[in-house]
Amino acid sequence: MKRNLSNIDRIVRVIVAALFAYLSFGGVVTGTLGIVLVVLGAVFLLTSAVSFCPLYAMFKLSTFKA
């Protein structure tokens, strides 16, 4: 896997994941949408940790500049 996420992209993903976790676990969003937010947050955290986004790769996008 070749890195395709810049540091700014990674930071934004972590912030969005934290927001999703707050909304879901804080009881602001419940039910199916709450579960979807938790799953999306987990995906954002995982892609941020490995600096690779499969969706970006599929569309041949990259925010990483070597």
PDB file of N, CA and C in Angstrom:
ATOM      1  N   MET A   1       0.832  -1.176   0.000  1.00  0.00           N
ATOM      2  CA  MET A   1       0.000   0.000   0.000  1.00  0.00           C
ATOM      3  C   MET A   1       0.878   1.239   0.000  1.00  0.00           C
ATOM      4  N   LYS A   2       0.715   2.033  -1.010  1.00  0.00           N
ATOM      5  CA  LYS A   2       1.457   3.276  -1.123  1.00  0.00           C
ATOM      6  C   LYS A   2       0.672   4.388  -0.423  1.00  0.00           C
ATOM      7  N   ARG A   3       1.361   5.179   0.369  1.00  0.00           N
ATOM      8  CA  ARG A   3       0.712   6.259   1.120  1.00  0.00           C
ATOM      9  C   ARG A   3       0.009   7.225   0.165  1.00  0.00           C
ATOM     10  N   ASN A   4      -1.241   7.571   0.494  1.00  0.00           N
ATOM     11  CA  ASN A   4      -1.964   8.535  -0.334  1.00  0.00           C
ATOM     12  C   ASN A   4      -2.717   9.585   0.492  1.00  0.00           C
ATOM     13  N   LEU A   5      -2.416   9.686   1.795  1.00  0.00           N
ATOM     14  CA  LEU A   5      -3.032  10.696   2.651  1.00  0.00           C
ATOM     15  C   LEU A   5      -1.980  11.649   3.201  1.00  0.00           C
ATOM     16  N   SER A   6      -2.236  12.941   3.082  1.00  0.00           N
ATOM     17  CA  SER A   6      -1.329  13.930   3.660  1.00  0.00           C
ATOM     18  C   SER A   6      -1.577  14.010   5.167  1.00  0.00           C
ATOM     19  N   ASN A   7      -0.675  14.671   5.872  1.00  0.00           N
ATOM     20  CA  ASN A   7      -0.834  14.820   7.316  1.00  0.00           C
ATOM     21  C   ASN A   7      -2.086  15.628   7.663  1.00  0.00           C
ATOM     22  N   ILE A   8      -2.387  16.638   6.872  1.00  0.00           N
ATOM     23  CA  ILE A   8      -3.591  17.441   7.119  1.00  0.00           C
ATOM     24  C   ILE A   8      -4.837  16.578   6.932  1.00  0.00           C
ATOM     25  N   ASP A   9      -4.858  15.767   5.894  1.00  0.00           N
ATOM     26  CA  ASP A   9      -5.980  14.854   5.639  1.00  0.00           C
ATOM     27  C   ASP A   9      -6.147  13.888   6.807  1.00  0.00           C
ATOM     28  N   ARG A  10      -5.054  13.381   7.327  1.00  0.00           N
ATOM     29  CA  ARG A  10      -5.092  12.452   8.452  1.00  0.00           C
ATOM     30  C   ARG A  10      -5.650  13.140   9.700  1.00  0.00           C
ATOM     31  N   ILE A  11      -5.232  14.376   9.966  1.00  0.00           N
ATOM     32  CA  ILE A  11      -5.712  15.111  11.138  1.00  0.00           C
ATOM     33  C   ILE A  11      -7.207  15.388  11.023  1.00  0.00           C
ATOM     34  N   VAL A  12      -7.645  15.784   9.849  1.00  0.00           N
ATOM     35  CA  VAL A  12      -9.072  16.048   9.630  1.00  0.00           C
ATOM     36  C   VAL A  12      -9.881  14.776   9.868  1.00  0.00           C
ATOM     37  N   ARG A  13      -9.387  13.638   9.407  1.00  0.00           N
ATOM     38  CA  ARG A  13     -10.089  12.372   9.607  1.00  0.00           C
ATOM     39  C   ARG A  13     -10.201  12.019  11.086  1.00  0.00           C
ATOM     40  N   VAL A  14      -9.158  12.267  11.857  1.00  0.00           N
ATOM     41  CA  VAL A  14      -9.200  11.977  13.289  1.00  0.00           C
ATOM     42  C   VAL A  14     -10.215  12.895  13.980  1.00  0.00           C
ATOM     43  N   ILE A  15     -10.239  14.160  13.604  1.00  0.00           N
ATOM     44  CA  ILE A  15     -11.187  15.107  14.192  1.00  0.00           C
ATOM     45  C   ILE A  15     -12.624  14.705  13.853  1.00  0.00           C
ATOM     46  N   VAL A  16     -12.863  14.338  12.607  1.00  0.00           N
ATOM     47  CA  VAL A  16     -14.212  13.916  12.199  1.00  0.00           C
ATOM     48  C   VAL A  16     -14.606  12.635  12.930  1.00  0.00           C
ATOM     49  N   ALA A  17     -13.673  11.703  13.087  1.00  0.00           N
ATOM     50  CA  ALA A  17     -13.957  10.470  13.816  1.00  0.00           C
ATOM     51  C   ALA A  17     -14.317  10.777  15.267  1.00  0.00           C
ATOM     52  N   ALA A  18     -13.607  11.720  15.888  1.00  0.00           N
ATOM     53  CA  ALA A  18     -13.910  12.108  17.261  1.00  0.00           C
ATOM     54  C   ALA A  18     -15.295  12.753  17.349  1.00  0.00           C
ATOM     55  N   LEU A  19     -15.638  13.567  16.376  1.00  0.00           N
ATOM     56  CA  LEU A  19     -16.960  14.187  16.331  1.00  0.00           C
ATOM     57  C   LEU A  19     -18.049  13.120  16.206  1.00  0.00           C
ATOM     58  N   PHE A  20     -17.836  12.158  15.318  1.00  0.00           N
ATOM     59  CA  PHE A  20     -18.800  11.071  15.149  1.00  0.00           C
ATOM     60  C   PHE A  20     -18.959  10.276  16.442  1.00  0.00           C
ATOM     61  N   ALA A  21     -17.853  10.009  17.125  1.00  0.00           N
ATOM     62  CA  ALA A  21     -17.911   9.273  18.391  1.00  0.00           C
ATOM     63  C   ALA A  21     -18.689  10.069  19.432  1.00  0.00           C
ATOM     64  N   TYR A  22     -18.428  11.366  19.515  1.00  0.00           N
ATOM     65  CA  TYR A  22     -19.157  12.221  20.461  1.00  0.00           C
ATOM     66  C   TYR A  22     -20.655  12.201  20.166  1.00  0.00           C
ATOM     67  N   LEU A  23     -21.021  12.356  18.899  1.00  0.00           N
ATOM     68  CA  LEU A  23     -22.431  12.380  18.528  1.00  0.00           C
ATOM     69  C   LEU A  23     -23.122  11.063  18.855  1.00  0.00           C
ATOM     70  N   SER A  24     -22.432   9.964  18.598  1.00  0.00           N
ATOM     71  CA  SER A  24     -23.035   8.659  18.816  1.00  0.00           C
ATOM     72  C   SER A  24     -23.063   8.274  20.292  1.00  0.00           C
ATOM     73  N   PHE A  25     -21.910   8.336  20.956  1.00  0.00           N
ATOM     74  CA  PHE A  25     -21.831   7.902  22.350  1.00  0.00           C
ATOM     75  C   PHE A  25     -22.420   8.927  23.310  1.00  0.00           C
ATOM     76  N   GLY A  26     -22.542  10.166  22.877  1.00  0.00           N
ATOM     77  CA  GLY A  26     -23.149  11.202  23.698  1.00  0.00           C
ATOM     78  C   GLY A  26     -24.664  11.190  23.641  1.00  0.00           C
ATOM     79  N   GLY A  27     -25.226  10.344  22.794  1.00  0.00           N
ATOM     80  CA  GLY A  27     -26.671  10.220  22.705  1.00  0.00           C
ATOM     81  C   GLY A  27     -27.333  11.261  21.825  1.00  0.00           C
ATOM     82  N   VAL A  28     -26.536  12.054  21.133  1.00  0.00           N
ATOM     83  CA  VAL A  28     -27.111  13.061  20.239  1.00  0.00           C
ATOM     84  C   VAL A  28     -27.747  12.372  19.027  1.00  0.00           C
ATOM     85  N   VAL A  29     -27.052  11.377  18.490  1.00  0.00           N
ATOM     86  CA  VAL A  29     -27.556  10.592  17.361  1.00  0.00           C
ATOM     87  C   VAL A  29     -27.669   9.147  17.843  1.00  0.00           C
ATOM     88  N   THR A  30     -28.837   8.555  17.668  1.00  0.00           N
ATOM     89  CA  THR A  30     -29.055   7.195  18.138  1.00  0.00           C
ATOM     90  C   THR A  30     -29.568   6.320  17.004  1.00  0.00           C
ATOM     91  N   GLY A  31     -29.724   5.060  17.306  1.00  0.00           N
ATOM     92  CA  GLY A  31     -30.283   4.121  16.339  1.00  0.00           C
ATOM     93  C   GLY A  31     -29.299   3.779  15.237  1.00  0.00           C
ATOM     94  N   THR A  32     -29.855   3.532  14.079  1.00  0.00           N
ATOM     95  CA  THR A  32     -29.060   3.102  12.936  1.00  0.00           C
ATOM     96  C   THR A  32     -28.039   4.154  12.535  1.00  0.00           C
ATOM     97  N   LEU A  33     -28.424   5.408  12.534  1.00  0.00           N
ATOM     98  CA  LEU A  33     -27.492   6.470  12.157  1.00  0.00           C
ATOM     99  C   LEU A  33     -26.324   6.537  13.136  1.00  0.00           C
ATOM    100  N   GLY A  34     -26.576   6.305  14.403  1.00  0.00           N
ATOM    101  CA  GLY A  34     -25.502   6.281  15.391  1.00  0.00           C
ATOM    102  C   GLY A  34     -24.505   5.167  15.111  1.00  0.00           C
ATOM    103  N   ILE A  35     -25.012   4.003  14.748  1.00  0.00           N
ATOM    104  CA  ILE A  35     -24.132   2.873  14.415  1.00  0.00           C
ATOM    105  C   ILE A  35     -23.325   3.184  13.161  1.00  0.00           C
ATOM    106  N   VAL A  36     -23.961   3.783  12.175  1.00  0.00           N
ATOM    107  CA  VAL A  36     -23.260   4.149  10.935  1.00  0.00           C
ATOM    108  C   VAL A  36     -22.141   5.144  11.240  1.00  0.00           C
ATOM    109  N   LEU A  37     -22.403   6.108  12.111  1.00  0.00           N
ATOM    110  CA  LEU A  37     -21.371   7.082  12.469  1.00  0.00           C
ATOM    111  C   LEU A  37     -20.191   6.418  13.176  1.00  0.00           C
ATOM    112  N   VAL A  38     -20.464   5.466  14.043  1.00  0.00           N
ATOM    113  CA  VAL A  38     -19.382   4.750  14.736  1.00  0.00           C
ATOM    114  C   VAL A  38     -18.535   3.976  13.734  1.00  0.00           C
ATOM    115  N   VAL A  39     -19.173   3.300  12.797  1.00  0.00           N
ATOM    116  CA  VAL A  39     -18.443   2.525  11.786  1.00  0.00           C
ATOM    117  C   VAL A  39     -17.611   3.455  10.906  1.00  0.00           C
ATOM    118  N   LEU A  40     -18.202   4.549  10.454  1.00  0.00           N
ATOM    119  CA  LEU A  40     -17.452   5.508   9.636  1.00  0.00           C
ATOM    120  C   LEU A  40     -16.280   6.109  10.414  1.00  0.00           C
ATOM    121  N   GLY A  41     -16.504   6.412  11.680  1.00  0.00           N
ATOM    122  CA  GLY A  41     -15.430   6.926  12.520  1.00  0.00           C
ATOM    123  C   GLY A  41     -14.289   5.928  12.639  1.00  0.00           C
ATOM    124  N   ALA A  42     -14.625   4.656  12.807  1.00  0.00           N
ATOM    125  CA  ALA A  42     -13.594   3.614  12.895  1.00  0.00           C
ATOM    126  C   ALA A  42     -12.813   3.513  11.589  1.00  0.00           C
ATOM    127  N   VAL A  43     -13.513   3.615  10.467  1.00  0.00           N
ATOM    128  CA  VAL A  43     -12.842   3.569   9.161  1.00  0.00           C
ATOM    129  C   VAL A  43     -11.916   4.774   9.013  1.00  0.00           C
ATOM    130  N   PHE A  44     -12.388   5.944   9.411  1.00  0.00           N
ATOM    131  CA  PHE A  44     -11.550   7.146   9.335  1.00  0.00           C
ATOM    132  C   PHE A  44     -10.301   7.002  10.198  1.00  0.00           C
ATOM    133  N   LEU A  45     -10.452   6.459  11.413  1.00  0.00           N
ATOM    134  CA  LEU A  45      -9.294   6.261  12.287  1.00  0.00           C
ATOM    135  C   LEU A  45      -8.308   5.259  11.681  1.00  0.00           C
ATOM    136  N   LEU A  46      -8.827   4.173  11.130  1.00  0.00           N
ATOM    137  CA  LEU A  46      -7.959   3.153  10.531  1.00  0.00           C
ATOM    138  C   LEU A  46      -7.202   3.706   9.327  1.00  0.00           C
ATOM    139  N   THR A  47      -7.906   4.385   8.438  1.00  0.00           N
ATOM    140  CA  THR A  47      -7.235   4.929   7.258  1.00  0.00           C
ATOM    141  C   THR A  47      -6.236   6.004   7.647  1.00  0.00           C
ATOM    142  N   SER A  48      -6.547   6.760   8.679  1.00  0.00           N
ATOM    143  CA  SER A  48      -5.614   7.770   9.157  1.00  0.00           C
ATOM    144  C   SER A  48      -4.362   7.129   9.742  1.00  0.00           C
ATOM    145  N   ALA A  49      -4.528   6.032  10.473  1.00  0.00           N
ATOM    146  CA  ALA A  49      -3.396   5.357  11.103  1.00  0.00           C
ATOM    147  C   ALA A  49      -2.435   4.752  10.081  1.00  0.00           C
ATOM    148  N   VAL A  50      -2.976   4.238   8.984  1.00  0.00           N
ATOM    149  CA  VAL A  50      -2.121   3.596   7.979  1.00  0.00           C
ATOM    150  C   VAL A  50      -1.767   4.521   6.816  1.00  0.00           C
ATOM    151  N   SER A  51      -2.306   5.742   6.821  1.00  0.00           N
ATOM    152  CA  SER A  51      -2.030   6.748   5.774  1.00  0.00           C
ATOM    153  C   SER A  51      -2.413   6.277   4.375  1.00  0.00           C
ATOM    154  N   PHE A  52      -3.427   5.443   4.307  1.00  0.00           N
ATOM    155  CA  PHE A  52      -3.863   4.914   3.014  1.00  0.00           C
ATOM    156  C   PHE A  52      -5.384   4.838   2.991  1.00  0.00           C
ATOM    157  N   CYS A  53      -5.980   5.365   1.927  1.00  0.00           N
ATOM    158  CA  CYS A  53      -7.422   5.306   1.744  1.00  0.00           C
ATOM    159  C   CYS A  53      -7.726   4.507   0.477  1.00  0.00           C
ATOM    160  N   PRO A  54      -8.383   3.348   0.614  1.00  0.00           N
ATOM    161  CA  PRO A  54      -8.697   2.536  -0.564  1.00  0.00           C
ATOM    162  C   PRO A  54      -9.594   3.267  -1.566  1.00  0.00           C
ATOM    163  N   LEU A  55     -10.486   4.121  -1.075  1.00  0.00           N
ATOM    164  CA  LEU A  55     -11.360   4.875  -1.984  1.00  0.00           C
ATOM    165  C   LEU A  55     -10.548   5.848  -2.827  1.00  0.00           C
ATOM    166  N   TYR A  56      -9.562   6.510  -2.206  1.00  0.00           N
ATOM    167  CA  TYR A  56      -8.670   7.382  -2.960  1.00  0.00           C
ATOM    168  C   TYR A  56      -7.921   6.582  -4.023  1.00  0.00           C
ATOM    169  N   ALA A  57      -7.436   5.403  -3.646  1.00  0.00           N
ATOM    170  CA  ALA A  57      -6.676   4.575  -4.575  1.00  0.00           C
ATOM    171  C   ALA A  57      -7.548   4.143  -5.754  1.00  0.00           C
ATOM    172  N   MET A  58      -8.800   3.825  -5.471  1.00  0.00           N
ATOM    173  CA  MET A  58      -9.706   3.381  -6.524  1.00  0.00           C
ATOM    174  C   MET A  58      -9.905   4.473  -7.577  1.00  0.00           C
ATOM    175  N   PHE A  59      -9.940   5.725  -7.133  1.00  0.00           N
ATOM    176  CA  PHE A  59     -10.120   6.845  -8.054  1.00  0.00           C
ATOM    177  C   PHE A  59      -8.805   7.522  -8.434  1.00  0.00           C
ATOM    178  N   LYS A  60      -7.689   6.893  -8.038  1.00  0.00           N
ATOM    179  CA  LYS A  60      -6.351   7.400  -8.352  1.00  0.00           C
ATOM    180  C   LYS A  60      -6.137   8.827  -7.835  1.00  0.00           C
ATOM    181  N   LEU A  61      -6.593   9.080  -6.604  1.00  0.00           N
ATOM    182  CA  LEU A  61      -6.412  10.363  -5.950  1.00  0.00           C
ATOM    183  C   LEU A  61      -5.333  10.240  -4.884  1.00  0.00           C
ATOM    184  N   SER A  62      -4.691  11.351  -4.575  1.00  0.00           N
ATOM    185  CA  SER A  62      -3.716  11.376  -3.495  1.00  0.00           C
ATOM    186  C   SER A  62      -3.575  12.804  -2.990  1.00  0.00           C
ATOM    187  N   THR A  63      -3.572  12.952  -1.673  1.00  0.00           N
ATOM    188  CA  THR A  63      -3.309  14.258  -1.082  1.00  0.00           C
ATOM    189  C   THR A  63      -1.880  14.318  -0.560  1.00  0.00           C
ATOM    190  N   PHE A  64      -1.163  13.210  -0.661  1.00  0.00           N
ATOM    191  CA  PHE A  64       0.216  13.129  -0.184  1.00  0.00           C
ATOM    192  C   PHE A  64       1.180  13.611  -1.268  1.00  0.00           C
ATOM    193  N   LYS A  65       2.033  14.538  -0.892  1.00  0.00           N
ATOM    194  CA  LYS A  65       3.079  15.020  -1.809  1.00  0.00           C
ATOM    195  C   LYS A  65       4.422  14.615  -1.217  1.00  0.00           C
ATOM    196  N   ALA A  66       5.144  13.770  -1.902  1.00  0.00           N
ATOM    197  CA  ALA A  66       6.417  13.248  -1.393  1.00  0.00           C
ATOM    198  C   ALA A  66       7.499  14.290  -1.332  1.00  0.00           C
TER     199      ALA A  66
END
